[in-house]
PDB file of N, CA and C in Angstrom:
ATOM      1  N   UNK A   1     -19.360 103.634   2.003  1.00  0.00           N
ATOM      2  CA  UNK A   1     -19.012 102.233   1.879  1.00  0.00           C
ATOM      3  C   UNK A   1     -19.837 101.620   0.746  1.00  0.00           C
ATOM      4  N   UNK A   2     -19.169 100.935  -0.159  1.00  0.00           N
ATOM      5  CA  UNK A   2     -19.851 100.280  -1.273  1.00  0.00           C
ATOM      6  C   UNK A   2     -20.577  99.031  -0.773  1.00  0.00           C
ATOM      7  N   UNK A   3     -21.763  98.776  -1.303  1.00  0.00           N
ATOM      8  CA  UNK A   3     -22.522  97.606  -0.853  1.00  0.00           C
ATOM      9  C   UNK A   3     -22.887  96.644  -1.982  1.00  0.00           C
ATOM     10  N   UNK A   4     -23.032  97.130  -3.198  1.00  0.00           N
ATOM     11  CA  UNK A   4     -23.426  96.241  -4.296  1.00  0.00           C
ATOM     12  C   UNK A   4     -23.156  96.941  -5.619  1.00  0.00           C
ATOM     13  N   UNK A   5     -23.204  96.179  -6.682  1.00  0.00           N
ATOM     14  CA  UNK A   5     -23.089  96.738  -8.022  1.00  0.00           C
ATOM     15  C   UNK A   5     -24.224  96.164  -8.860  1.00  0.00           C
ATOM     16  N   UNK A   6     -24.820  96.992  -9.675  1.00  0.00           N
ATOM     17  CA  UNK A   6     -25.933  96.568 -10.525  1.00  0.00           C
ATOM     18  C   UNK A   6     -25.578  96.911 -11.967  1.00  0.00           C
ATOM     19  N   UNK A   7     -25.272  95.895 -12.788  1.00  0.00           N
ATOM     20  CA  UNK A   7     -24.960  96.187 -14.184  1.00  0.00           C
ATOM     21  C   UNK A   7     -26.190  96.684 -14.931  1.00  0.00           C
ATOM     22  N   UNK A   8     -25.951  97.578 -15.897  1.00  0.00           N
ATOM     23  CA  UNK A   8     -27.000  98.071 -16.785  1.00  0.00           C
ATOM     24  C   UNK A   8     -26.603  97.669 -18.197  1.00  0.00           C
ATOM     25  N   UNK A   9     -27.436  96.838 -18.822  1.00  0.00           N
ATOM     26  CA  UNK A   9     -27.134  96.292 -20.138  1.00  0.00           C
ATOM     27  C   UNK A   9     -28.122  96.803 -21.173  1.00  0.00           C
ATOM     28  N   UNK A  10     -27.709  96.889 -22.428  1.00  0.00           N
ATOM     29  CA  UNK A  10     -28.619  97.336 -23.481  1.00  0.00           C
ATOM     30  C   UNK A  10     -29.596  96.237 -23.895  1.00  0.00           C
ATOM     31  N   UNK A  11     -30.781  96.671 -24.306  1.00  0.00           N
ATOM     32  CA  UNK A  11     -31.793  95.742 -24.845  1.00  0.00           C
ATOM     33  C   UNK A  11     -32.474  96.426 -26.022  1.00  0.00           C
ATOM     34  N   UNK A  12     -32.875  95.639 -27.002  1.00  0.00           N
ATOM     35  CA  UNK A  12     -33.605  96.187 -28.148  1.00  0.00           C
ATOM     36  C   UNK A  12     -35.110  96.084 -27.971  1.00  0.00           C
ATOM     37  N   UNK A  13     -35.558  95.078 -27.231  1.00  0.00           N
ATOM     38  CA  UNK A  13     -36.984  94.831 -27.084  1.00  0.00           C
ATOM     39  C   UNK A  13     -37.241  94.344 -25.660  1.00  0.00           C
ATOM     40  N   UNK A  14     -37.963  95.131 -24.908  1.00  0.00           N
ATOM     41  CA  UNK A  14     -38.185  94.823 -23.490  1.00  0.00           C
ATOM     42  C   UNK A  14     -38.894  93.479 -23.297  1.00  0.00           C
ATOM     43  N   UNK A  15     -39.896  93.186 -24.089  1.00  0.00           N
ATOM     44  CA  UNK A  15     -40.650  91.935 -23.928  1.00  0.00           C
ATOM     45  C   UNK A  15     -39.766  90.717 -24.178  1.00  0.00           C
ATOM     46  N   UNK A  16     -38.934  90.774 -25.198  1.00  0.00           N
ATOM     47  CA  UNK A  16     -38.037  89.653 -25.508  1.00  0.00           C
ATOM     48  C   UNK A  16     -37.007  89.471 -24.399  1.00  0.00           C
ATOM     49  N   UNK A  17     -36.450  90.578 -23.931  1.00  0.00           N
ATOM     50  CA  UNK A  17     -35.459  90.504 -22.850  1.00  0.00           C
ATOM     51  C   UNK A  17     -36.092  89.946 -21.592  1.00  0.00           C
ATOM     52  N   UNK A  18     -37.247  90.463 -21.209  1.00  0.00           N
ATOM     53  CA  UNK A  18     -37.936  89.982 -20.012  1.00  0.00           C
ATOM     54  C   UNK A  18     -38.227  88.483 -20.127  1.00  0.00           C
ATOM     55  N   UNK A  19     -38.760  88.062 -21.243  1.00  0.00           N
ATOM     56  CA  UNK A  19     -39.099  86.653 -21.437  1.00  0.00           C
ATOM     57  C   UNK A  19     -37.871  85.758 -21.299  1.00  0.00           C
ATOM     58  N   UNK A  20     -36.766  86.146 -21.924  1.00  0.00           N
ATOM     59  CA  UNK A  20     -35.542  85.346 -21.838  1.00  0.00           C
ATOM     60  C   UNK A  20     -35.083  85.199 -20.393  1.00  0.00           C
ATOM     61  N   UNK A  21     -34.956  86.299 -19.691  1.00  0.00           N
ATOM     62  CA  UNK A  21     -34.422  86.248 -18.331  1.00  0.00           C
ATOM     63  C   UNK A  21     -35.381  85.569 -17.348  1.00  0.00           C
ATOM     64  N   UNK A  22     -36.673  85.748 -17.536  1.00  0.00           N
ATOM     65  CA  UNK A  22     -37.651  85.138 -16.634  1.00  0.00           C
ATOM     66  C   UNK A  22     -37.807  83.642 -16.930  1.00  0.00           C
ATOM     67  N   UNK A  23     -38.018  83.275 -18.187  1.00  0.00           N
ATOM     68  CA  UNK A  23     -38.295  81.866 -18.504  1.00  0.00           C
ATOM     69  C   UNK A  23     -37.043  81.015 -18.597  1.00  0.00           C
ATOM     70  N   UNK A  24     -35.950  81.560 -19.090  1.00  0.00           N
ATOM     71  CA  UNK A  24     -34.738  80.773 -19.260  1.00  0.00           C
ATOM     72  C   UNK A  24     -33.832  80.774 -18.021  1.00  0.00           C
ATOM     73  N   UNK A  25     -33.769  81.904 -17.314  1.00  0.00           N
ATOM     74  CA  UNK A  25     -32.818  82.030 -16.214  1.00  0.00           C
ATOM     75  C   UNK A  25     -33.460  82.144 -14.836  1.00  0.00           C
ATOM     76  N   UNK A  26     -34.773  82.284 -14.783  1.00  0.00           N
ATOM     77  CA  UNK A  26     -35.461  82.311 -13.495  1.00  0.00           C
ATOM     78  C   UNK A  26     -35.450  83.650 -12.768  1.00  0.00           C
ATOM     79  N   UNK A  27     -35.214  84.743 -13.481  1.00  0.00           N
ATOM     80  CA  UNK A  27     -35.282  86.067 -12.867  1.00  0.00           C
ATOM     81  C   UNK A  27     -36.741  86.478 -12.706  1.00  0.00           C
ATOM     82  N   UNK A  28     -36.973  87.524 -11.915  1.00  0.00           N
ATOM     83  CA  UNK A  28     -38.314  88.102 -11.818  1.00  0.00           C
ATOM     84  C   UNK A  28     -38.217  89.597 -12.066  1.00  0.00           C
ATOM     85  N   UNK A  29     -39.270  90.131 -12.628  1.00  0.00           N
ATOM     86  CA  UNK A  29     -39.363  91.566 -12.901  1.00  0.00           C
ATOM     87  C   UNK A  29     -39.679  92.268 -11.590  1.00  0.00           C
ATOM     88  N   UNK A  30     -38.835  93.205 -11.175  1.00  0.00           N
ATOM     89  CA  UNK A  30     -39.036  93.886  -9.896  1.00  0.00           C
ATOM     90  C   UNK A  30     -39.364  95.365 -10.076  1.00  0.00           C
ATOM     91  N   UNK A  31     -39.632  95.764 -11.304  1.00  0.00           N
ATOM     92  CA  UNK A  31     -39.988  97.165 -11.531  1.00  0.00           C
ATOM     93  C   UNK A  31     -41.320  97.493 -10.883  1.00  0.00           C
ATOM     94  N   UNK A  32     -41.372  98.590 -10.150  1.00  0.00           N
ATOM     95  CA  UNK A  32     -42.623  98.980  -9.499  1.00  0.00           C
ATOM     96  C   UNK A  32     -43.586  99.624 -10.491  1.00  0.00           C
ATOM     97  N   UNK A  33     -43.037 100.122 -11.606  1.00  0.00           N
ATOM     98  CA  UNK A  33     -43.850 100.676 -12.698  1.00  0.00           C
ATOM     99  C   UNK A  33     -43.284 100.149 -14.006  1.00  0.00           C
ATOM    100  N   UNK A  34     -44.120 100.040 -15.014  1.00  0.00           N
ATOM    101  CA  UNK A  34     -43.698  99.491 -16.295  1.00  0.00           C
ATOM    102  C   UNK A  34     -43.290 100.617 -17.239  1.00  0.00           C
ATOM    103  N   UNK A  35     -41.991 100.898 -17.273  1.00  0.00           N
ATOM    104  CA  UNK A  35     -41.467 101.892 -18.194  1.00  0.00           C
ATOM    105  C   UNK A  35     -41.058 101.197 -19.487  1.00  0.00           C
ATOM    106  N   UNK A  36     -41.418 101.764 -20.618  1.00  0.00           N
ATOM    107  CA  UNK A  36     -41.123 101.157 -21.911  1.00  0.00           C
ATOM    108  C   UNK A  36     -39.628 100.994 -22.142  1.00  0.00           C
ATOM    109  N   UNK A  37     -38.842 101.917 -21.622  1.00  0.00           N
ATOM    110  CA  UNK A  37     -37.420 101.928 -21.971  1.00  0.00           C
ATOM    111  C   UNK A  37     -36.499 101.470 -20.838  1.00  0.00           C
ATOM    112  N   UNK A  38     -37.046 100.828 -19.802  1.00  0.00           N
ATOM    113  CA  UNK A  38     -36.200 100.385 -18.699  1.00  0.00           C
ATOM    114  C   UNK A  38     -36.780  99.129 -18.073  1.00  0.00           C
ATOM    115  N   UNK A  39     -35.906  98.219 -17.650  1.00  0.00           N
ATOM    116  CA  UNK A  39     -36.335  96.947 -17.080  1.00  0.00           C
ATOM    117  C   UNK A  39     -35.430  96.615 -15.901  1.00  0.00           C
ATOM    118  N   UNK A  40     -36.033  96.208 -14.793  1.00  0.00           N
ATOM    119  CA  UNK A  40     -35.292  95.814 -13.590  1.00  0.00           C
ATOM    120  C   UNK A  40     -35.615  94.355 -13.295  1.00  0.00           C
ATOM    121  N   UNK A  41     -34.578  93.527 -13.242  1.00  0.00           N
ATOM    122  CA  UNK A  41     -34.767  92.106 -12.985  1.00  0.00           C
ATOM    123  C   UNK A  41     -33.913  91.666 -11.808  1.00  0.00           C
ATOM    124  N   UNK A  42     -34.402  90.629 -11.101  1.00  0.00           N
ATOM    125  CA  UNK A  42     -33.676  90.135  -9.930  1.00  0.00           C
ATOM    126  C   UNK A  42     -33.782  88.621  -9.860  1.00  0.00           C
ATOM    127  N   UNK A  43     -32.703  88.012  -9.412  1.00  0.00           N
ATOM    128  CA  UNK A  43     -32.689  86.584  -9.077  1.00  0.00           C
ATOM    129  C   UNK A  43     -31.793  86.444  -7.863  1.00  0.00           C
ATOM    130  N   UNK A  44     -32.324  85.836  -6.832  1.00  0.00           N
ATOM    131  CA  UNK A  44     -31.595  85.683  -5.575  1.00  0.00           C
ATOM    132  C   UNK A  44     -31.088  87.053  -5.115  1.00  0.00           C
ATOM    133  N   UNK A  45     -29.783  87.216  -4.966  1.00  0.00           N
ATOM    134  CA  UNK A  45     -29.236  88.472  -4.439  1.00  0.00           C
ATOM    135  C   UNK A  45     -28.660  89.395  -5.499  1.00  0.00           C
ATOM    136  N   UNK A  46     -28.957  89.152  -6.772  1.00  0.00           N
ATOM    137  CA  UNK A  46     -28.414  90.039  -7.804  1.00  0.00           C
ATOM    138  C   UNK A  46     -29.535  90.712  -8.590  1.00  0.00           C
ATOM    139  N   UNK A  47     -29.218  91.877  -9.078  1.00  0.00           N
ATOM    140  CA  UNK A  47     -30.101  92.625  -9.977  1.00  0.00           C
ATOM    141  C   UNK A  47     -29.343  92.929 -11.252  1.00  0.00           C
ATOM    142  N   UNK A  48     -30.070  92.924 -12.354  1.00  0.00           N
ATOM    143  CA  UNK A  48     -29.559  93.431 -13.623  1.00  0.00           C
ATOM    144  C   UNK A  48     -30.610  94.392 -14.152  1.00  0.00           C
ATOM    145  N   UNK A  49     -30.169  95.569 -14.571  1.00  0.00           N
ATOM    146  CA  UNK A  49     -31.058  96.549 -15.174  1.00  0.00           C
ATOM    147  C   UNK A  49     -30.766  96.615 -16.663  1.00  0.00           C
ATOM    148  N   UNK A  50     -31.781  96.959 -17.432  1.00  0.00           N
ATOM    149  CA  UNK A  50     -31.649  97.061 -18.885  1.00  0.00           C
ATOM    150  C   UNK A  50     -32.218  98.392 -19.348  1.00  0.00           C
ATOM    151  N   UNK A  51     -31.561  98.989 -20.324  1.00  0.00           N
ATOM    152  CA  UNK A  51     -32.039 100.228 -20.917  1.00  0.00           C
ATOM    153  C   UNK A  51     -32.307  99.980 -22.397  1.00  0.00           C
ATOM    154  N   UNK A  52     -33.330 100.644 -22.914  1.00  0.00           N
ATOM    155  CA  UNK A  52     -33.718 100.473 -24.306  1.00  0.00           C
ATOM    156  C   UNK A  52     -32.685 101.091 -25.231  1.00  0.00           C
ATOM    157  N   UNK A  53     -32.241 100.314 -26.204  1.00  0.00           N
ATOM    158  CA  UNK A  53     -31.297 100.760 -27.222  1.00  0.00           C
ATOM    159  C   UNK A  53     -31.756 100.120 -28.533  1.00  0.00           C
ATOM    160  N   UNK A  54     -32.784 100.695 -29.132  1.00  0.00           N
ATOM    161  CA  UNK A  54     -33.422 100.111 -30.314  1.00  0.00           C
ATOM    162  C   UNK A  54     -32.456  99.899 -31.472  1.00  0.00           C
ATOM    163  N   UNK A  55     -31.479 100.787 -31.620  1.00  0.00           N
ATOM    164  CA  UNK A  55     -30.559 100.706 -32.756  1.00  0.00           C
ATOM    165  C   UNK A  55     -29.333  99.837 -32.470  1.00  0.00           C
ATOM    166  N   UNK A  56     -29.348  99.129 -31.369  1.00  0.00           N
ATOM    167  CA  UNK A  56     -28.219  98.264 -31.033  1.00  0.00           C
ATOM    168  C   UNK A  56     -28.014  97.216 -32.118  1.00  0.00           C
ATOM    169  N   UNK A  57     -26.797  97.084 -32.557  1.00  0.00           N
ATOM    170  CA  UNK A  57     -26.430  96.016 -33.477  1.00  0.00           C
ATOM    171  C   UNK A  57     -25.808  94.911 -32.617  1.00  0.00           C
ATOM    172  N   UNK A  58     -26.496  93.786 -32.427  1.00  0.00           N
ATOM    173  CA  UNK A  58     -25.977  92.749 -31.528  1.00  0.00           C
ATOM    174  C   UNK A  58     -24.563  92.293 -31.878  1.00  0.00           C
ATOM    175  N   UNK A  59     -24.210  92.292 -33.162  1.00  0.00           N
ATOM    176  CA  UNK A  59     -22.863  91.848 -33.531  1.00  0.00           C
ATOM    177  C   UNK A  59     -21.787  92.852 -33.120  1.00  0.00           C
ATOM    178  N   UNK A  60     -22.215  94.045 -32.708  1.00  0.00           N
ATOM    179  CA  UNK A  60     -21.265  95.055 -32.240  1.00  0.00           C
ATOM    180  C   UNK A  60     -21.410  95.321 -30.742  1.00  0.00           C
ATOM    181  N   UNK A  61     -22.163  94.485 -30.061  1.00  0.00           N
ATOM    182  CA  UNK A  61     -22.375  94.649 -28.621  1.00  0.00           C
ATOM    183  C   UNK A  61     -21.342  93.810 -27.861  1.00  0.00           C
ATOM    184  N   UNK A  62     -20.530  94.481 -27.067  1.00  0.00           N
ATOM    185  CA  UNK A  62     -19.507  93.783 -26.298  1.00  0.00           C
ATOM    186  C   UNK A  62     -19.773  93.843 -24.796  1.00  0.00           C
ATOM    187  N   UNK A  63     -21.024  94.140 -24.400  1.00  0.00           N
ATOM    188  CA  UNK A  63     -21.373  94.214 -22.981  1.00  0.00           C
ATOM    189  C   UNK A  63     -21.233  92.827 -22.352  1.00  0.00           C
ATOM    190  N   UNK A  64     -20.700  92.822 -21.139  1.00  0.00           N
ATOM    191  CA  UNK A  64     -20.474  91.567 -20.428  1.00  0.00           C
ATOM    192  C   UNK A  64     -20.761  91.754 -18.949  1.00  0.00           C
ATOM    193  N   UNK A  65     -21.180  90.681 -18.311  1.00  0.00           N
ATOM    194  CA  UNK A  65     -21.339  90.689 -16.868  1.00  0.00           C
ATOM    195  C   UNK A  65     -20.893  89.315 -16.350  1.00  0.00           C
ATOM    196  N   UNK A  66     -20.177  89.330 -15.231  1.00  0.00           N
ATOM    197  CA  UNK A  66     -19.701  88.103 -14.598  1.00  0.00           C
ATOM    198  C   UNK A  66     -20.518  87.908 -13.327  1.00  0.00           C
ATOM    199  N   UNK A  67     -21.168  86.756 -13.219  1.00  0.00           N
ATOM    200  CA  UNK A  67     -22.064  86.477 -12.094  1.00  0.00           C
ATOM    201  C   UNK A  67     -21.502  85.309 -11.291  1.00  0.00           C
ATOM    202  N   UNK A  68     -21.215  85.565 -10.041  1.00  0.00           N
ATOM    203  CA  UNK A  68     -20.719  84.492  -9.163  1.00  0.00           C
ATOM    204  C   UNK A  68     -21.910  83.774  -8.521  1.00  0.00           C
ATOM    205  N   UNK A  69     -21.744  82.468  -8.346  1.00  0.00           N
ATOM    206  CA  UNK A  69     -22.760  81.682  -7.683  1.00  0.00           C
ATOM    207  C   UNK A  69     -22.096  80.613  -6.835  1.00  0.00           C
ATOM    208  N   UNK A  70     -22.879  79.941  -5.984  1.00  0.00           N
ATOM    209  CA  UNK A  70     -22.287  78.979  -5.067  1.00  0.00           C
ATOM    210  C   UNK A  70     -22.619  77.519  -5.385  1.00  0.00           C
ATOM    211  N   UNK A  71     -23.348  77.267  -6.464  1.00  0.00           N
ATOM    212  CA  UNK A  71     -23.627  75.891  -6.883  1.00  0.00           C
ATOM    213  C   UNK A  71     -23.719  75.862  -8.406  1.00  0.00           C
ATOM    214  N   UNK A  72     -22.575  76.069  -9.044  1.00  0.00           N
ATOM    215  CA  UNK A  72     -22.551  76.201 -10.496  1.00  0.00           C
ATOM    216  C   UNK A  72     -22.978  74.917 -11.206  1.00  0.00           C
ATOM    217  N   UNK A  73     -22.658  73.768 -10.633  1.00  0.00           N
ATOM    218  CA  UNK A  73     -23.021  72.506 -11.286  1.00  0.00           C
ATOM    219  C   UNK A  73     -24.537  72.365 -11.413  1.00  0.00           C
ATOM    220  N   UNK A  74     -25.262  72.644 -10.348  1.00  0.00           N
ATOM    221  CA  UNK A  74     -26.732  72.548 -10.385  1.00  0.00           C
ATOM    222  C   UNK A  74     -27.325  73.595 -11.318  1.00  0.00           C
ATOM    223  N   UNK A  75     -26.792  74.818 -11.263  1.00  0.00           N
ATOM    224  CA  UNK A  75     -27.317  75.878 -12.123  1.00  0.00           C
ATOM    225  C   UNK A  75     -27.064  75.546 -13.589  1.00  0.00           C
ATOM    226  N   UNK A  76     -25.879  75.055 -13.910  1.00  0.00           N
ATOM    227  CA  UNK A  76     -25.552  74.664 -15.278  1.00  0.00           C
ATOM    228  C   UNK A  76     -26.490  73.552 -15.745  1.00  0.00           C
ATOM    229  N   UNK A  77     -26.710  72.566 -14.891  1.00  0.00           N
ATOM    230  CA  UNK A  77     -27.610  71.475 -15.252  1.00  0.00           C
ATOM    231  C   UNK A  77     -29.023  71.992 -15.500  1.00  0.00           C
ATOM    232  N   UNK A  78     -29.483  72.941 -14.694  1.00  0.00           N
ATOM    233  CA  UNK A  78     -30.821  73.503 -14.906  1.00  0.00           C
ATOM    234  C   UNK A  78     -30.896  74.256 -16.232  1.00  0.00           C
ATOM    235  N   UNK A  79     -29.801  74.896 -16.645  1.00  0.00           N
ATOM    236  CA  UNK A  79     -29.780  75.578 -17.943  1.00  0.00           C
ATOM    237  C   UNK A  79     -29.883  74.552 -19.076  1.00  0.00           C
ATOM    238  N   UNK A  80     -29.188  73.433 -18.944  1.00  0.00           N
ATOM    239  CA  UNK A  80     -29.272  72.384 -19.957  1.00  0.00           C
ATOM    240  C   UNK A  80     -30.681  71.791 -20.011  1.00  0.00           C
ATOM    241  N   UNK A  81     -31.269  71.537 -18.859  1.00  0.00           N
ATOM    242  CA  UNK A  81     -32.620  70.974 -18.814  1.00  0.00           C
ATOM    243  C   UNK A  81     -33.651  71.947 -19.370  1.00  0.00           C
ATOM    244  N   UNK A  82     -33.394  73.234 -19.202  1.00  0.00           N
ATOM    245  CA  UNK A  82     -34.301  74.276 -19.702  1.00  0.00           C
ATOM    246  C   UNK A  82     -34.040  74.583 -21.172  1.00  0.00           C
ATOM    247  N   UNK A  83     -33.054  73.893 -21.762  1.00  0.00           N
ATOM    248  CA  UNK A  83     -32.665  74.067 -23.163  1.00  0.00           C
ATOM    249  C   UNK A  83     -32.192  75.496 -23.458  1.00  0.00           C
ATOM    250  N   UNK A  84     -31.530  76.109 -22.470  1.00  0.00           N
ATOM    251  CA  UNK A  84     -30.941  77.420 -22.649  1.00  0.00           C
ATOM    252  C   UNK A  84     -29.651  77.251 -23.442  1.00  0.00           C
ATOM    253  N   UNK A  85     -29.474  78.071 -24.462  1.00  0.00           N
ATOM    254  CA  UNK A  85     -28.280  77.958 -25.293  1.00  0.00           C
ATOM    255  C   UNK A  85     -27.041  78.423 -24.548  1.00  0.00           C
ATOM    256  N   UNK A  86     -26.091  77.515 -24.406  1.00  0.00           N
ATOM    257  CA  UNK A  86     -24.798  77.824 -23.816  1.00  0.00           C
ATOM    258  C   UNK A  86     -23.895  78.318 -24.955  1.00  0.00           C
ATOM    259  N   UNK A  87     -23.074  79.301 -24.678  1.00  0.00           N
ATOM    260  CA  UNK A  87     -22.151  79.829 -25.699  1.00  0.00           C
ATOM    261  C   UNK A  87     -21.285  78.676 -26.212  1.00  0.00           C
ATOM    262  N   UNK A  88     -21.082  78.586 -27.530  1.00  0.00           N
ATOM    263  CA  UNK A  88     -20.294  77.468 -28.082  1.00  0.00           C
ATOM    264  C   UNK A  88     -18.905  77.322 -27.457  1.00  0.00           C
ATOM    265  N   UNK A  89     -18.298  78.419 -27.065  1.00  0.00           N
ATOM    266  CA  UNK A  89     -16.979  78.363 -26.431  1.00  0.00           C
ATOM    267  C   UNK A  89     -17.101  78.488 -24.913  1.00  0.00           C
ATOM    268  N   UNK A  90     -18.332  78.424 -24.389  1.00  0.00           N
ATOM    269  CA  UNK A  90     -18.539  78.706 -22.977  1.00  0.00           C
ATOM    270  C   UNK A  90     -19.128  77.585 -22.165  1.00  0.00           C
ATOM    271  N   UNK A  91     -18.924  76.336 -22.578  1.00  0.00           N
ATOM    272  CA  UNK A  91     -19.446  75.217 -21.795  1.00  0.00           C
ATOM    273  C   UNK A  91     -18.771  75.175 -20.430  1.00  0.00           C
ATOM    274  N   UNK A  92     -19.335  74.460 -19.490  1.00  0.00           N
ATOM    275  CA  UNK A  92     -18.824  74.403 -18.124  1.00  0.00           C
ATOM    276  C   UNK A  92     -17.416  73.801 -18.112  1.00  0.00           C
ATOM    277  N   UNK A  93     -16.495  74.569 -17.545  1.00  0.00           N
ATOM    278  CA  UNK A  93     -15.105  74.107 -17.466  1.00  0.00           C
ATOM    279  C   UNK A  93     -14.386  74.813 -16.330  1.00  0.00           C
ATOM    280  N   UNK A  94     -13.325  74.178 -15.858  1.00  0.00           N
ATOM    281  CA  UNK A  94     -12.483  74.792 -14.842  1.00  0.00           C
ATOM    282  C   UNK A  94     -11.364  75.550 -15.547  1.00  0.00           C
ATOM    283  N   UNK A  95     -11.229  76.815 -15.202  1.00  0.00           N
ATOM    284  CA  UNK A  95     -10.254  77.694 -15.835  1.00  0.00           C
ATOM    285  C   UNK A  95      -8.946  77.706 -15.041  1.00  0.00           C
ATOM    286  N   UNK A  96      -7.871  78.090 -15.693  1.00  0.00           N
ATOM    287  CA  UNK A  96      -6.548  78.131 -15.067  1.00  0.00           C
ATOM    288  C   UNK A  96      -6.493  79.111 -13.900  1.00  0.00           C
ATOM    289  N   UNK A  97      -7.400  80.102 -13.898  1.00  0.00           N
ATOM    290  CA  UNK A  97      -7.398  81.110 -12.832  1.00  0.00           C
ATOM    291  C   UNK A  97      -8.230  80.696 -11.622  1.00  0.00           C
ATOM    292  N   UNK A  98      -8.595  79.413 -11.557  1.00  0.00           N
ATOM    293  CA  UNK A  98      -9.238  78.892 -10.353  1.00  0.00           C
ATOM    294  C   UNK A  98     -10.738  79.102 -10.282  1.00  0.00           C
ATOM    295  N   UNK A  99     -11.375  79.275 -11.424  1.00  0.00           N
ATOM    296  CA  UNK A  99     -12.827  79.435 -11.463  1.00  0.00           C
ATOM    297  C   UNK A  99     -13.430  78.333 -12.331  1.00  0.00           C
ATOM    298  N   UNK A 100     -14.565  77.807 -11.920  1.00  0.00           N
ATOM    299  CA  UNK A 100     -15.369  76.928 -12.755  1.00  0.00           C
ATOM    300  C   UNK A 100     -16.409  77.825 -13.399  1.00  0.00           C
ATOM    301  N   UNK A 101     -16.488  77.844 -14.729  1.00  0.00           N
ATOM    302  CA  UNK A 101     -17.307  78.832 -15.442  1.00  0.00           C
ATOM    303  C   UNK A 101     -18.049  78.228 -16.624  1.00  0.00           C
ATOM    304  N   UNK A 102     -19.121  78.938 -17.012  1.00  0.00           N
ATOM    305  CA  UNK A 102     -19.760  78.746 -18.308  1.00  0.00           C
ATOM    306  C   UNK A 102     -20.362  80.076 -18.719  1.00  0.00           C
ATOM    307  N   UNK A 103     -20.702  80.200 -20.002  1.00  0.00           N
ATOM    308  CA  UNK A 103     -21.180  81.484 -20.512  1.00  0.00           C
ATOM    309  C   UNK A 103     -22.312  81.282 -21.518  1.00  0.00           C
ATOM    310  N   UNK A 104     -23.088  82.342 -21.687  1.00  0.00           N
ATOM    311  CA  UNK A 104     -24.163  82.356 -22.676  1.00  0.00           C
ATOM    312  C   UNK A 104     -24.379  83.789 -23.150  1.00  0.00           C
ATOM    313  N   UNK A 105     -25.067  83.917 -24.264  1.00  0.00           N
ATOM    314  CA  UNK A 105     -25.437  85.224 -24.795  1.00  0.00           C
ATOM    315  C   UNK A 105     -26.933  85.404 -24.641  1.00  0.00           C
ATOM    316  N   UNK A 106     -27.350  86.609 -24.259  1.00  0.00           N
ATOM    317  CA  UNK A 106     -28.790  86.886 -24.203  1.00  0.00           C
ATOM    318  C   UNK A 106     -29.248  87.334 -25.602  1.00  0.00           C
ATOM    319  N   UNK A 107     -30.516  87.639 -25.795  1.00  0.00           N
ATOM    320  CA  UNK A 107     -31.014  87.989 -27.136  1.00  0.00           C
ATOM    321  C   UNK A 107     -30.341  89.207 -27.777  1.00  0.00           C
ATOM    322  N   UNK A 108     -29.669  90.039 -26.984  1.00  0.00           N
ATOM    323  CA  UNK A 108     -29.004  91.226 -27.531  1.00  0.00           C
ATOM    324  C   UNK A 108     -27.491  91.075 -27.566  1.00  0.00           C
ATOM    325  N   UNK A 109     -27.018  89.852 -27.378  1.00  0.00           N
ATOM    326  CA  UNK A 109     -25.592  89.533 -27.441  1.00  0.00           C
ATOM    327  C   UNK A 109     -24.823  90.026 -26.218  1.00  0.00           C
ATOM    328  N   UNK A 110     -25.517  90.309 -25.110  1.00  0.00           N
ATOM    329  CA  UNK A 110     -24.833  90.581 -23.854  1.00  0.00           C
ATOM    330  C   UNK A 110     -24.267  89.259 -23.367  1.00  0.00           C
ATOM    331  N   UNK A 111     -22.965  89.221 -23.066  1.00  0.00           N
ATOM    332  CA  UNK A 111     -22.330  87.998 -22.605  1.00  0.00           C
ATOM    333  C   UNK A 111     -22.517  87.848 -21.101  1.00  0.00           C
ATOM    334  N   UNK A 112     -23.099  86.727 -20.693  1.00  0.00           N
ATOM    335  CA  UNK A 112     -23.296  86.405 -19.281  1.00  0.00           C
ATOM    336  C   UNK A 112     -22.360  85.252 -18.947  1.00  0.00           C
ATOM    337  N   UNK A 113     -21.400  85.505 -18.064  1.00  0.00           N
ATOM    338  CA  UNK A 113     -20.505  84.445 -17.621  1.00  0.00           C
ATOM    339  C   UNK A 113     -20.821  84.147 -16.168  1.00  0.00           C
ATOM    340  N   UNK A 114     -21.015  82.876 -15.869  1.00  0.00           N
ATOM    341  CA  UNK A 114     -21.312  82.426 -14.520  1.00  0.00           C
ATOM    342  C   UNK A 114     -20.086  81.705 -13.978  1.00  0.00           C
ATOM    343  N   UNK A 115     -19.687  82.018 -12.748  1.00  0.00           N
ATOM    344  CA  UNK A 115     -18.485  81.407 -12.218  1.00  0.00           C
ATOM    345  C   UNK A 115     -18.546  81.153 -10.721  1.00  0.00           C
ATOM    346  N   UNK A 116     -17.726  80.188 -10.315  1.00  0.00           N
ATOM    347  CA  UNK A 116     -17.610  79.808  -8.917  1.00  0.00           C
ATOM    348  C   UNK A 116     -16.154  79.439  -8.644  1.00  0.00           C
ATOM    349  N   UNK A 117     -15.588  79.912  -7.526  1.00  0.00           N
ATOM    350  CA  UNK A 117     -14.223  79.507  -7.193  1.00  0.00           C
ATOM    351  C   UNK A 117     -14.136  77.985  -7.030  1.00  0.00           C
ATOM    352  N   UNK A 118     -13.028  77.420  -7.481  1.00  0.00           N
ATOM    353  CA  UNK A 118     -12.821  75.969  -7.363  1.00  0.00           C
ATOM    354  C   UNK A 118     -12.301  75.647  -5.982  1.00  0.00           C
TER     355      UNK A 118
END
């Protein structure tokens, strides 16, 4: 029986990735050991793992993750207050498919879309 899914996204620099997710999005580092080429982060009930990809060209990175939440308005407001860059085409809006969503890019151009059913 499946219980959860944990996306694994590329990163070029572990310190930059950790700083972005911890300071901008409120994640915490849950790695029991500090491996140079791997990072485990958690916020509430989700985990995202990152693997080192030094030669990643961000303009050619199409990695994406969709994160569901139950209070998108408050989370979006906290991102604005924290001065987190929202994707220019990803401001908070209600989509035709019945989701309220917004999106942002992390330092390696991984697309993070946050959504909640309307």
